[in-house]
Amino acid sequence: MSIISTILANALALFIVSQVISGLHIEGGLLTYALIGVILSLLNLIIKPILKLLSFPLVFLTGGLFLIVINAILLYICEYFIGVIDVTGVSMQVDSNLTYLWAAAILGIANWLISWFLKED
């Protein structure tokens, strides 16, 4: 997928997750989803491979379920960056660690489905 479609897929998946999970609060409209899509895409490109490499034994032992924890960590980092960037009217808040895990699981599934529909043959 191209960079733009990856960002759009992340933004759309995050919108789906925010509608499904009540503990994930995103304010700011389309700008917020676009900004979070960019941040998640960069984190998936840069940090996720490093985390997957470092946690390979745990991913292997759990049959891939530890990838949900990795995605939850990326959501936490994304929430941190949204707070640091401090764009007026843009905010992302997650209520609890369990919400991070549920959001990461649903985000992974939604992202996979969107990527599957948008894949280029």
C-alpha atoms as a PDB file:
ATOM      1  CA  MET A   1       0.000   0.000   0.000  1.00  0.00           C
ATOM      2  CA  SER A   2       1.081   3.542  -0.560  1.00  0.00           C
ATOM      3  CA  ILE A   3       1.788   5.895   2.302  1.00  0.00           C
ATOM      4  CA  ILE A   4      -1.442   7.842   1.798  1.00  0.00           C
ATOM      5  CA  SER A   5      -3.593   4.713   1.782  1.00  0.00           C
ATOM      6  CA  THR A   6      -1.795   3.453   4.900  1.00  0.00           C
ATOM      7  CA  ILE A   7      -2.505   6.721   6.710  1.00  0.00           C
ATOM      8  CA  LEU A   8      -6.136   6.649   5.587  1.00  0.00           C
ATOM      9  CA  ALA A   9      -6.474   3.008   6.645  1.00  0.00           C
ATOM     10  CA  ASN A  10      -5.084   3.816  10.100  1.00  0.00           C
ATOM     11  CA  ALA A  11      -7.386   6.836  10.436  1.00  0.00           C
ATOM     12  CA  LEU A  12     -10.437   4.839   9.347  1.00  0.00           C
ATOM     13  CA  ALA A  13      -9.556   1.929  11.625  1.00  0.00           C
ATOM     14  CA  LEU A  14      -9.139   4.320  14.540  1.00  0.00           C
ATOM     15  CA  PHE A  15     -12.524   5.871  13.780  1.00  0.00           C
ATOM     16  CA  ILE A  16     -14.078   2.395  13.849  1.00  0.00           C
ATOM     17  CA  VAL A  17     -12.359   1.609  17.151  1.00  0.00           C
ATOM     18  CA  SER A  18     -13.480   4.894  18.709  1.00  0.00           C
ATOM     19  CA  GLN A  19     -17.075   4.096  17.778  1.00  0.00           C
ATOM     20  CA  VAL A  20     -16.925   0.560  19.198  1.00  0.00           C
ATOM     21  CA  ILE A  21     -15.037   1.193  22.462  1.00  0.00           C
ATOM     22  CA  SER A  22     -16.442   3.676  24.952  1.00  0.00           C
ATOM     23  CA  GLY A  23     -13.150   4.081  26.856  1.00  0.00           C
ATOM     24  CA  LEU A  24     -11.372   5.662  23.869  1.00  0.00           C
ATOM     25  CA  HIS A  25     -12.114   9.390  23.635  1.00  0.00           C
ATOM     26  CA  ILE A  26     -11.022  11.253  20.517  1.00  0.00           C
ATOM     27  CA  GLU A  27     -11.896  14.909  20.029  1.00  0.00           C
ATOM     28  CA  GLY A  28     -11.168  17.215  17.145  1.00  0.00           C
ATOM     29  CA  GLY A  29     -12.876  15.693  14.145  1.00  0.00           C
ATOM     30  CA  LEU A  30     -11.211  14.872  10.861  1.00  0.00           C
ATOM     31  CA  LEU A  31      -7.954  16.663  11.721  1.00  0.00           C
ATOM     32  CA  THR A  32      -7.483  14.443  14.756  1.00  0.00           C
ATOM     33  CA  TYR A  33      -8.017  11.219  12.834  1.00  0.00           C
ATOM     34  CA  ALA A  34      -5.633  12.377  10.093  1.00  0.00           C
ATOM     35  CA  LEU A  35      -2.975  13.357  12.636  1.00  0.00           C
ATOM     36  CA  ILE A  36      -3.338  10.111  14.565  1.00  0.00           C
ATOM     37  CA  GLY A  37      -3.258   8.193  11.275  1.00  0.00           C
ATOM     38  CA  VAL A  38       0.069   9.830  10.417  1.00  0.00           C
ATOM     39  CA  ILE A  39       1.505   9.150  13.872  1.00  0.00           C
ATOM     40  CA  LEU A  40       0.340   5.511  13.891  1.00  0.00           C
ATOM     41  CA  SER A  41       1.733   4.971  10.413  1.00  0.00           C
ATOM     42  CA  LEU A  42       5.123   6.330  11.470  1.00  0.00           C
ATOM     43  CA  LEU A  43       5.117   4.248  14.649  1.00  0.00           C
ATOM     44  CA  ASN A  44       4.175   1.122  12.668  1.00  0.00           C
ATOM     45  CA  LEU A  45       6.970   1.856  10.223  1.00  0.00           C
ATOM     46  CA  ILE A  46       9.728   2.692  12.712  1.00  0.00           C
ATOM     47  CA  ILE A  47       8.991   1.353  16.205  1.00  0.00           C
ATOM     48  CA  LYS A  48       6.847  -1.724  15.571  1.00  0.00           C
ATOM     49  CA  PRO A  49       9.558  -3.760  13.792  1.00  0.00           C
ATOM     50  CA  ILE A  50      11.963  -3.060  16.652  1.00  0.00           C
ATOM     51  CA  LEU A  51       9.398  -4.111  19.266  1.00  0.00           C
ATOM     52  CA  LYS A  52       8.548  -7.246  17.290  1.00  0.00           C
ATOM     53  CA  LEU A  53      12.213  -8.186  17.043  1.00  0.00           C
ATOM     54  CA  LEU A  54      12.860  -7.609  20.742  1.00  0.00           C
ATOM     55  CA  SER A  55       9.763  -9.522  21.831  1.00  0.00           C
ATOM     56  CA  PHE A  56      10.017 -12.367  19.323  1.00  0.00           C
ATOM     57  CA  PRO A  57      10.209 -15.084  22.015  1.00  0.00           C
ATOM     58  CA  LEU A  58       6.997 -13.813  23.622  1.00  0.00           C
ATOM     59  CA  VAL A  59       5.254 -13.528  20.260  1.00  0.00           C
ATOM     60  CA  PHE A  60       6.338 -17.066  19.414  1.00  0.00           C
ATOM     61  CA  LEU A  61       5.291 -18.528  22.788  1.00  0.00           C
ATOM     62  CA  THR A  62       1.864 -16.878  22.687  1.00  0.00           C
ATOM     63  CA  GLY A  63       1.162 -17.766  19.080  1.00  0.00           C
ATOM     64  CA  GLY A  64       1.143 -14.134  18.020  1.00  0.00           C
ATOM     65  CA  LEU A  65      -1.171 -12.860  20.743  1.00  0.00           C
ATOM     66  CA  PHE A  66       1.609 -10.707  22.175  1.00  0.00           C
ATOM     67  CA  LEU A  67       1.266  -8.586  19.020  1.00  0.00           C
ATOM     68  CA  ILE A  68      -1.865  -7.137  20.656  1.00  0.00           C
ATOM     69  CA  VAL A  69       0.318  -5.915  23.518  1.00  0.00           C
ATOM     70  CA  ILE A  70       2.737  -4.386  21.013  1.00  0.00           C
ATOM     71  CA  ASN A  71      -0.158  -2.588  19.300  1.00  0.00           C
ATOM     72  CA  ALA A  72      -1.368  -1.382  22.710  1.00  0.00           C
ATOM     73  CA  ILE A  73       2.101   0.028  23.397  1.00  0.00           C
ATOM     74  CA  LEU A  74       1.985   1.834  20.059  1.00  0.00           C
ATOM     75  CA  LEU A  75      -1.416   3.308  20.962  1.00  0.00           C
ATOM     76  CA  TYR A  76       0.024   4.504  24.262  1.00  0.00           C
ATOM     77  CA  ILE A  77       2.964   6.141  22.465  1.00  0.00           C
ATOM     78  CA  CYS A  78       0.534   7.696  19.974  1.00  0.00           C
ATOM     79  CA  GLU A  79      -1.569   9.122  22.823  1.00  0.00           C
ATOM     80  CA  TYR A  80       1.609  10.545  24.354  1.00  0.00           C
ATOM     81  CA  PHE A  81       2.634  12.208  21.070  1.00  0.00           C
ATOM     82  CA  ILE A  82      -0.842  13.714  20.631  1.00  0.00           C
ATOM     83  CA  GLY A  83      -0.466  15.281  24.076  1.00  0.00           C
ATOM     84  CA  VAL A  84       3.060  16.541  23.344  1.00  0.00           C
ATOM     85  CA  ILE A  85       2.173  18.014  19.951  1.00  0.00           C
ATOM     86  CA  ASP A  86      -0.604  20.016  21.652  1.00  0.00           C
ATOM     87  CA  VAL A  87      -2.666  21.014  18.620  1.00  0.00           C
ATOM     88  CA  THR A  88      -5.653  23.097  19.714  1.00  0.00           C
ATOM     89  CA  GLY A  89      -8.856  21.050  19.780  1.00  0.00           C
ATOM     90  CA  VAL A  90      -7.108  17.724  19.161  1.00  0.00           C
ATOM     91  CA  SER A  91      -7.071  15.166  21.954  1.00  0.00           C
ATOM     92  CA  MET A  92      -6.954  11.426  22.470  1.00  0.00           C
ATOM     93  CA  GLN A  93      -7.569   9.823  25.851  1.00  0.00           C
ATOM     94  CA  VAL A  94      -7.725   6.162  26.804  1.00  0.00           C
ATOM     95  CA  ASP A  95      -9.363   5.267  30.125  1.00  0.00           C
ATOM     96  CA  SER A  96      -7.489   2.127  31.191  1.00  0.00           C
ATOM     97  CA  ASN A  97      -4.911  -0.491  30.234  1.00  0.00           C
ATOM     98  CA  LEU A  98      -7.697  -2.921  29.364  1.00  0.00           C
ATOM     99  CA  THR A  99      -9.075  -0.331  26.957  1.00  0.00           C
ATOM    100  CA  TYR A 100      -5.643  -0.149  25.307  1.00  0.00           C
ATOM    101  CA  LEU A 101      -5.698  -3.937  24.797  1.00  0.00           C
ATOM    102  CA  TRP A 102      -9.251  -3.998  23.403  1.00  0.00           C
ATOM    103  CA  ALA A 103      -8.547  -1.010  21.174  1.00  0.00           C
ATOM    104  CA  ALA A 104      -5.323  -2.612  19.932  1.00  0.00           C
ATOM    105  CA  ALA A 105      -7.098  -5.882  19.118  1.00  0.00           C
ATOM    106  CA  ILE A 106      -9.941  -4.176  17.263  1.00  0.00           C
ATOM    107  CA  LEU A 107      -7.531  -1.743  15.574  1.00  0.00           C
ATOM    108  CA  GLY A 108      -5.458  -4.679  14.330  1.00  0.00           C
ATOM    109  CA  ILE A 109      -8.503  -6.478  12.942  1.00  0.00           C
ATOM    110  CA  ALA A 110      -9.939  -3.325  11.370  1.00  0.00           C
ATOM    111  CA  ASN A 111      -6.578  -2.402   9.863  1.00  0.00           C
ATOM    112  CA  TRP A 112      -6.176  -5.906   8.454  1.00  0.00           C
ATOM    113  CA  LEU A 113      -9.666  -5.816   6.881  1.00  0.00           C
ATOM    114  CA  ILE A 114      -9.126  -2.372   5.384  1.00  0.00           C
ATOM    115  CA  SER A 115      -5.724  -3.400   4.033  1.00  0.00           C
ATOM    116  CA  TRP A 116      -7.255  -6.552   2.583  1.00  0.00           C
ATOM    117  CA  PHE A 117      -9.903  -4.520   0.746  1.00  0.00           C
ATOM    118  CA  LEU A 118      -7.353  -1.963  -0.494  1.00  0.00           C
ATOM    119  CA  LYS A 119      -4.592  -4.370  -1.451  1.00  0.00           C
ATOM    120  CA  GLU A 120      -3.148  -4.032  -4.900  1.00  0.00           C
ATOM    121  CA  ASP A 121      -2.888  -7.124  -7.055  1.00  0.00           C
END
